[in-house]
PDB file of N, CA and C in Angstrom:
ATOM      1  N   MET A   1      -4.510   0.103  32.767  1.00  0.00           N
ATOM      2  CA  MET A   1      -4.667   0.665  31.444  1.00  0.00           C
ATOM      3  C   MET A   1      -5.924   1.529  31.391  1.00  0.00           C
ATOM      4  N   LYS A   2      -5.893   2.516  30.542  1.00  0.00           N
ATOM      5  CA  LYS A   2      -7.044   3.396  30.388  1.00  0.00           C
ATOM      6  C   LYS A   2      -8.133   2.712  29.571  1.00  0.00           C
ATOM      7  N   ASP A   3      -9.361   3.024  29.911  1.00  0.00           N
ATOM      8  CA  ASP A   3     -10.501   2.491  29.170  1.00  0.00           C
ATOM      9  C   ASP A   3     -10.791   3.368  27.958  1.00  0.00           C
ATOM     10  N   LYS A   4     -11.329   2.767  26.930  1.00  0.00           N
ATOM     11  CA  LYS A   4     -11.852   3.449  25.742  1.00  0.00           C
ATOM     12  C   LYS A   4     -10.792   4.250  24.987  1.00  0.00           C
ATOM     13  N   ILE A   5      -9.547   3.797  24.942  1.00  0.00           N
ATOM     14  CA  ILE A   5      -8.540   4.510  24.152  1.00  0.00           C
ATOM     15  C   ILE A   5      -8.134   3.724  22.911  1.00  0.00           C
ATOM     16  N   HIS A   6      -8.549   2.471  22.822  1.00  0.00           N
ATOM     17  CA  HIS A   6      -8.161   1.642  21.688  1.00  0.00           C
ATOM     18  C   HIS A   6      -9.169   1.786  20.561  1.00  0.00           C
ATOM     19  N   PRO A   7      -8.700   1.803  19.308  1.00  0.00           N
ATOM     20  CA  PRO A   7      -9.634   1.882  18.179  1.00  0.00           C
ATOM     21  C   PRO A   7     -10.419   0.584  18.031  1.00  0.00           C
ATOM     22  N   LYS A   8     -11.567   0.669  17.405  1.00  0.00           N
ATOM     23  CA  LYS A   8     -12.390  -0.522  17.177  1.00  0.00           C
ATOM     24  C   LYS A   8     -11.699  -1.425  16.172  1.00  0.00           C
ATOM     25  N   TYR A   9     -11.655  -2.725  16.452  1.00  0.00           N
ATOM     26  CA  TYR A   9     -11.009  -3.704  15.591  1.00  0.00           C
ATOM     27  C   TYR A   9     -12.082  -4.438  14.800  1.00  0.00           C
ATOM     28  N   TYR A  10     -11.946  -4.417  13.471  1.00  0.00           N
ATOM     29  CA  TYR A  10     -12.888  -5.093  12.589  1.00  0.00           C
ATOM     30  C   TYR A  10     -12.260  -6.403  12.133  1.00  0.00           C
ATOM     31  N   ASP A  11     -12.951  -7.486  12.356  1.00  0.00           N
ATOM     32  CA  ASP A  11     -12.449  -8.800  11.979  1.00  0.00           C
ATOM     33  C   ASP A  11     -13.106  -9.233  10.671  1.00  0.00           C
ATOM     34  N   GLY A  12     -12.309  -9.712   9.745  1.00  0.00           N
ATOM     35  CA  GLY A  12     -12.850 -10.215   8.486  1.00  0.00           C
ATOM     36  C   GLY A  12     -13.162  -9.145   7.469  1.00  0.00           C
ATOM     37  N   ILE A  13     -12.354  -8.101   7.375  1.00  0.00           N
ATOM     38  CA  ILE A  13     -12.588  -7.066   6.363  1.00  0.00           C
ATOM     39  C   ILE A  13     -11.997  -7.504   5.030  1.00  0.00           C
ATOM     40  N   GLN A  14     -12.452  -6.906   3.946  1.00  0.00           N
ATOM     41  CA  GLN A  14     -11.951  -7.220   2.617  1.00  0.00           C
ATOM     42  C   GLN A  14     -10.822  -6.261   2.250  1.00  0.00           C
ATOM     43  N   VAL A  15      -9.725  -6.806   1.759  1.00  0.00           N
ATOM     44  CA  VAL A  15      -8.631  -6.021   1.218  1.00  0.00           C
ATOM     45  C   VAL A  15      -8.700  -6.176  -0.292  1.00  0.00           C
ATOM     46  N   VAL A  16      -8.739  -5.051  -1.018  1.00  0.00           N
ATOM     47  CA  VAL A  16      -8.863  -5.076  -2.464  1.00  0.00           C
ATOM     48  C   VAL A  16      -7.588  -4.502  -3.072  1.00  0.00           C
ATOM     49  N   CYS A  17      -6.960  -5.281  -3.951  1.00  0.00           N
ATOM     50  CA  CYS A  17      -5.747  -4.841  -4.638  1.00  0.00           C
ATOM     51  C   CYS A  17      -6.119  -4.221  -5.978  1.00  0.00           C
ATOM     52  N   SER A  18      -5.227  -3.420  -6.530  1.00  0.00           N
ATOM     53  CA  SER A  18      -5.495  -2.794  -7.825  1.00  0.00           C
ATOM     54  C   SER A  18      -5.511  -3.818  -8.958  1.00  0.00           C
ATOM     55  N   CYS A  19      -4.916  -5.003  -8.741  1.00  0.00           N
ATOM     56  CA  CYS A  19      -4.938  -6.052  -9.768  1.00  0.00           C
ATOM     57  C   CYS A  19      -6.258  -6.815  -9.757  1.00  0.00           C
ATOM     58  N   GLY A  20      -7.090  -6.602  -8.741  1.00  0.00           N
ATOM     59  CA  GLY A  20      -8.375  -7.273  -8.661  1.00  0.00           C
ATOM     60  C   GLY A  20      -8.422  -8.372  -7.618  1.00  0.00           C
ATOM     61  N   ASN A  21      -7.289  -8.728  -7.052  1.00  0.00           N
ATOM     62  CA  ASN A  21      -7.237  -9.760  -6.027  1.00  0.00           C
ATOM     63  C   ASN A  21      -7.854  -9.240  -4.728  1.00  0.00           C
ATOM     64  N   THR A  22      -8.612 -10.084  -4.043  1.00  0.00           N
ATOM     65  CA  THR A  22      -9.194  -9.718  -2.753  1.00  0.00           C
ATOM     66  C   THR A  22      -8.881 -10.809  -1.743  1.00  0.00           C
ATOM     67  N   PHE A  23      -8.726 -10.403  -0.491  1.00  0.00           N
ATOM     68  CA  PHE A  23      -8.549 -11.348   0.601  1.00  0.00           C
ATOM     69  C   PHE A  23      -9.058 -10.713   1.874  1.00  0.00           C
ATOM     70  N   THR A  24      -9.261 -11.524   2.898  1.00  0.00           N
ATOM     71  CA  THR A  24      -9.804 -11.018   4.155  1.00  0.00           C
ATOM     72  C   THR A  24      -8.728 -10.997   5.230  1.00  0.00           C
ATOM     73  N   THR A  25      -8.844 -10.036   6.109  1.00  0.00           N
ATOM     74  CA  THR A  25      -7.923  -9.882   7.228  1.00  0.00           C
ATOM     75  C   THR A  25      -8.625  -9.084   8.320  1.00  0.00           C
ATOM     76  N   GLY A  26      -7.920  -8.763   9.368  1.00  0.00           N
ATOM     77  CA  GLY A  26      -8.465  -7.923  10.420  1.00  0.00           C
ATOM     78  C   GLY A  26      -7.730  -6.600  10.465  1.00  0.00           C
ATOM     79  N   SER A  27      -8.425  -5.522  10.778  1.00  0.00           N
ATOM     80  CA  SER A  27      -7.809  -4.202  10.792  1.00  0.00           C
ATOM     81  C   SER A  27      -8.648  -3.249  11.628  1.00  0.00           C
ATOM     82  N   THR A  28      -8.087  -2.076  11.875  1.00  0.00           N
ATOM     83  CA  THR A  28      -8.839  -1.032  12.563  1.00  0.00           C
ATOM     84  C   THR A  28      -9.597  -0.162  11.571  1.00  0.00           C
ATOM     85  N   LYS A  29      -9.436  -0.423  10.279  1.00  0.00           N
ATOM     86  CA  LYS A  29     -10.192   0.283   9.249  1.00  0.00           C
ATOM     87  C   LYS A  29     -11.231  -0.660   8.664  1.00  0.00           C
ATOM     88  N   LYS A  30     -12.344  -0.102   8.200  1.00  0.00           N
ATOM     89  CA  LYS A  30     -13.422  -0.920   7.665  1.00  0.00           C
ATOM     90  C   LYS A  30     -13.109  -1.456   6.278  1.00  0.00           C
ATOM     91  N   GLU A  31     -12.293  -0.738   5.521  1.00  0.00           N
ATOM     92  CA  GLU A  31     -11.999  -1.130   4.149  1.00  0.00           C
ATOM     93  C   GLU A  31     -10.561  -0.764   3.821  1.00  0.00           C
ATOM     94  N   LEU A  32      -9.844  -1.653   3.134  1.00  0.00           N
ATOM     95  CA  LEU A  32      -8.469  -1.382   2.731  1.00  0.00           C
ATOM     96  C   LEU A  32      -8.329  -1.568   1.230  1.00  0.00           C
ATOM     97  N   LYS A  33      -7.660  -0.618   0.594  1.00  0.00           N
ATOM     98  CA  LYS A  33      -7.334  -0.715  -0.825  1.00  0.00           C
ATOM     99  C   LYS A  33      -5.824  -0.590  -0.939  1.00  0.00           C
ATOM    100  N   VAL A  34      -5.193  -1.541  -1.615  1.00  0.00           N
ATOM    101  CA  VAL A  34      -3.741  -1.561  -1.754  1.00  0.00           C
ATOM    102  C   VAL A  34      -3.364  -1.566  -3.229  1.00  0.00           C
ATOM    103  N   GLU A  35      -2.131  -1.116  -3.516  1.00  0.00           N
ATOM    104  CA  GLU A  35      -1.646  -1.079  -4.888  1.00  0.00           C
ATOM    105  C   GLU A  35      -0.998  -2.392  -5.304  1.00  0.00           C
ATOM    106  N   LEU A  36      -0.310  -3.043  -4.374  1.00  0.00           N
ATOM    107  CA  LEU A  36       0.380  -4.293  -4.670  1.00  0.00           C
ATOM    108  C   LEU A  36       0.030  -5.347  -3.634  1.00  0.00           C
ATOM    109  N   CYS A  37      -0.070  -6.585  -4.081  1.00  0.00           N
ATOM    110  CA  CYS A  37      -0.306  -7.701  -3.172  1.00  0.00           C
ATOM    111  C   CYS A  37       0.638  -8.830  -3.544  1.00  0.00           C
ATOM    112  N   SER A  38       0.537  -9.951  -2.885  1.00  0.00           N
ATOM    113  CA  SER A  38       1.436 -11.066  -3.169  1.00  0.00           C
ATOM    114  C   SER A  38       1.157 -11.706  -4.525  1.00  0.00           C
ATOM    115  N   GLN A  39       0.001 -11.432  -5.111  1.00  0.00           N
ATOM    116  CA  GLN A  39      -0.327 -11.991  -6.422  1.00  0.00           C
ATOM    117  C   GLN A  39       0.263 -11.170  -7.572  1.00  0.00           C
ATOM    118  N   CYS A  40       0.539  -9.883  -7.340  1.00  0.00           N
ATOM    119  CA  CYS A  40       1.013  -9.034  -8.435  1.00  0.00           C
ATOM    120  C   CYS A  40       2.361  -8.374  -8.160  1.00  0.00           C
ATOM    121  N   HIS A  41       2.920  -8.535  -6.969  1.00  0.00           N
ATOM    122  CA  HIS A  41       4.209  -7.911  -6.650  1.00  0.00           C
ATOM    123  C   HIS A  41       5.329  -8.646  -7.383  1.00  0.00           C
ATOM    124  N   PRO A  42       6.245  -7.919  -8.034  1.00  0.00           N
ATOM    125  CA  PRO A  42       7.317  -8.552  -8.805  1.00  0.00           C
ATOM    126  C   PRO A  42       8.201  -9.484  -7.978  1.00  0.00           C
ATOM    127  N   PHE A  43       8.385  -9.225  -6.705  1.00  0.00           N
ATOM    128  CA  PHE A  43       9.218 -10.094  -5.873  1.00  0.00           C
ATOM    129  C   PHE A  43       8.619 -11.492  -5.771  1.00  0.00           C
ATOM    130  N   PHE A  44       7.297 -11.565  -5.616  1.00  0.00           N
ATOM    131  CA  PHE A  44       6.639 -12.860  -5.461  1.00  0.00           C
ATOM    132  C   PHE A  44       6.348 -13.539  -6.789  1.00  0.00           C
ATOM    133  N   THR A  45       6.121 -12.764  -7.852  1.00  0.00           N
ATOM    134  CA  THR A  45       5.779 -13.363  -9.143  1.00  0.00           C
ATOM    135  C   THR A  45       7.010 -13.733  -9.953  1.00  0.00           C
ATOM    136  N   GLY A  46       8.170 -13.151  -9.634  1.00  0.00           N
ATOM    137  CA  GLY A  46       9.383 -13.440 -10.383  1.00  0.00           C
ATOM    138  C   GLY A  46       9.520 -12.618 -11.642  1.00  0.00           C
ATOM    139  N   GLU A  47       8.591 -11.721 -11.904  1.00  0.00           N
ATOM    140  CA  GLU A  47       8.648 -10.875 -13.092  1.00  0.00           C
ATOM    141  C   GLU A  47       9.622  -9.728 -12.870  1.00  0.00           C
ATOM    142  N   ARG A  48      10.136  -9.231 -13.953  1.00  0.00           N
ATOM    143  CA  ARG A  48      10.941  -8.019 -13.886  1.00  0.00           C
ATOM    144  C   ARG A  48      10.165  -6.942 -14.618  1.00  0.00           C
ATOM    145  N   ARG A  49       9.570  -6.065 -13.857  1.00  0.00           N
ATOM    146  CA  ARG A  49       8.832  -4.953 -14.462  1.00  0.00           C
ATOM    147  C   ARG A  49       9.069  -3.707 -13.629  1.00  0.00           C
ATOM    148  N   MET A  50       8.925  -2.595 -14.258  1.00  0.00           N
ATOM    149  CA  MET A  50       9.141  -1.325 -13.588  1.00  0.00           C
ATOM    150  C   MET A  50       7.845  -0.896 -12.910  1.00  0.00           C
ATOM    151  N   LEU A  51       7.953  -0.553 -11.641  1.00  0.00           N
ATOM    152  CA  LEU A  51       6.814   0.011 -10.935  1.00  0.00           C
ATOM    153  C   LEU A  51       6.765   1.503 -11.217  1.00  0.00           C
ATOM    154  N   ASP A  52       5.748   2.152 -10.791  1.00  0.00           N
ATOM    155  CA  ASP A  52       5.559   3.577 -11.059  1.00  0.00           C
ATOM    156  C   ASP A  52       6.563   4.397 -10.248  1.00  0.00           C
ATOM    157  N   THR A  53       7.773   4.585 -10.802  1.00  0.00           N
ATOM    158  CA  THR A  53       8.801   5.348 -10.106  1.00  0.00           C
ATOM    159  C   THR A  53       9.227   6.572 -10.900  1.00  0.00           C
ATOM    160  N   THR A  54       8.593   6.804 -12.042  1.00  0.00           N
ATOM    161  CA  THR A  54       8.989   7.928 -12.868  1.00  0.00           C
ATOM    162  C   THR A  54       8.666   9.239 -12.179  1.00  0.00           C
ATOM    163  N   GLY A  55       9.591  10.161 -12.272  1.00  0.00           N
ATOM    164  CA  GLY A  55       9.365  11.484 -11.719  1.00  0.00           C
ATOM    165  C   GLY A  55       9.832  11.668 -10.295  1.00  0.00           C
ATOM    166  N   ARG A  56      10.336  10.640  -9.657  1.00  0.00           N
ATOM    167  CA  ARG A  56      10.757  10.775  -8.262  1.00  0.00           C
ATOM    168  C   ARG A  56      11.976  11.676  -8.126  1.00  0.00           C
ATOM    169  N   VAL A  57      12.937  11.529  -9.035  1.00  0.00           N
ATOM    170  CA  VAL A  57      14.144  12.359  -8.970  1.00  0.00           C
ATOM    171  C   VAL A  57      13.785  13.812  -9.244  1.00  0.00           C
ATOM    172  N   GLU A  58      12.953  14.035 -10.259  1.00  0.00           N
ATOM    173  CA  GLU A  58      12.549  15.398 -10.587  1.00  0.00           C
ATOM    174  C   GLU A  58      11.764  16.026  -9.437  1.00  0.00           C
ATOM    175  N   ARG A  59      10.908  15.249  -8.807  1.00  0.00           N
ATOM    176  CA  ARG A  59      10.135  15.749  -7.671  1.00  0.00           C
ATOM    177  C   ARG A  59      11.061  16.107  -6.509  1.00  0.00           C
ATOM    178  N   PHE A  60      12.090  15.280  -6.273  1.00  0.00           N
ATOM    179  CA  PHE A  60      13.054  15.562  -5.224  1.00  0.00           C
ATOM    180  C   PHE A  60      13.804  16.859  -5.525  1.00  0.00           C
ATOM    181  N   LYS A  61      14.238  17.021  -6.774  1.00  0.00           N
ATOM    182  CA  LYS A  61      14.971  18.237  -7.154  1.00  0.00           C
ATOM    183  C   LYS A  61      14.102  19.483  -7.012  1.00  0.00           C
ATOM    184  N   ARG A  62      12.834  19.369  -7.397  1.00  0.00           N
ATOM    185  CA  ARG A  62      11.933  20.513  -7.237  1.00  0.00           C
ATOM    186  C   ARG A  62      11.697  20.830  -5.791  1.00  0.00           C
ATOM    187  N   ARG A  63      11.488  19.821  -4.984  1.00  0.00           N
ATOM    188  CA  ARG A  63      11.163  20.028  -3.578  1.00  0.00           C
ATOM    189  C   ARG A  63      12.318  20.680  -2.829  1.00  0.00           C
ATOM    190  N   TYR A  64      13.544  20.234  -3.094  1.00  0.00           N
ATOM    191  CA  TYR A  64      14.686  20.746  -2.369  1.00  0.00           C
ATOM    192  C   TYR A  64      15.553  21.681  -3.202  1.00  0.00           C
ATOM    193  N   LYS A  65      15.054  22.038  -4.376  1.00  0.00           N
ATOM    194  CA  LYS A  65      15.715  22.998  -5.272  1.00  0.00           C
ATOM    195  C   LYS A  65      17.184  22.629  -5.481  1.00  0.00           C
ATOM    196  N   VAL A  66      17.413  21.377  -5.866  1.00  0.00           N
ATOM    197  CA  VAL A  66      18.756  20.873  -6.126  1.00  0.00           C
ATOM    198  C   VAL A  66      19.124  21.224  -7.550  1.00  0.00           C
ATOM    199  N   LYS A  67      20.315  21.792  -7.710  1.00  0.00           N
ATOM    200  CA  LYS A  67      20.799  22.136  -9.048  1.00  0.00           C
ATOM    201  C   LYS A  67      21.796  21.090  -9.500  1.00  0.00           C
ATOM    202  N   ASP A  68      21.767  20.788 -10.790  1.00  0.00           N
ATOM    203  CA  ASP A  68      22.700  19.785 -11.342  1.00  0.00           C
ATOM    204  C   ASP A  68      24.106  20.311 -11.424  1.00  0.00           C
TER     205      ASP A  68
END
């Protein structure tokens, strides 16, 4: 194997969710910010709520110039 081709691995970094939940893990990045975690994701909480999906169809139509 080649030497010095692997990224530096940081052990015990903080992952911060948009809901405020934090936990530690290991990663090749020094800091991670996520939008959803197991504390706020609807699949794990059992809630039925809409995630930020508005505008996806319109964005697709604009991008590929799809006519109705």
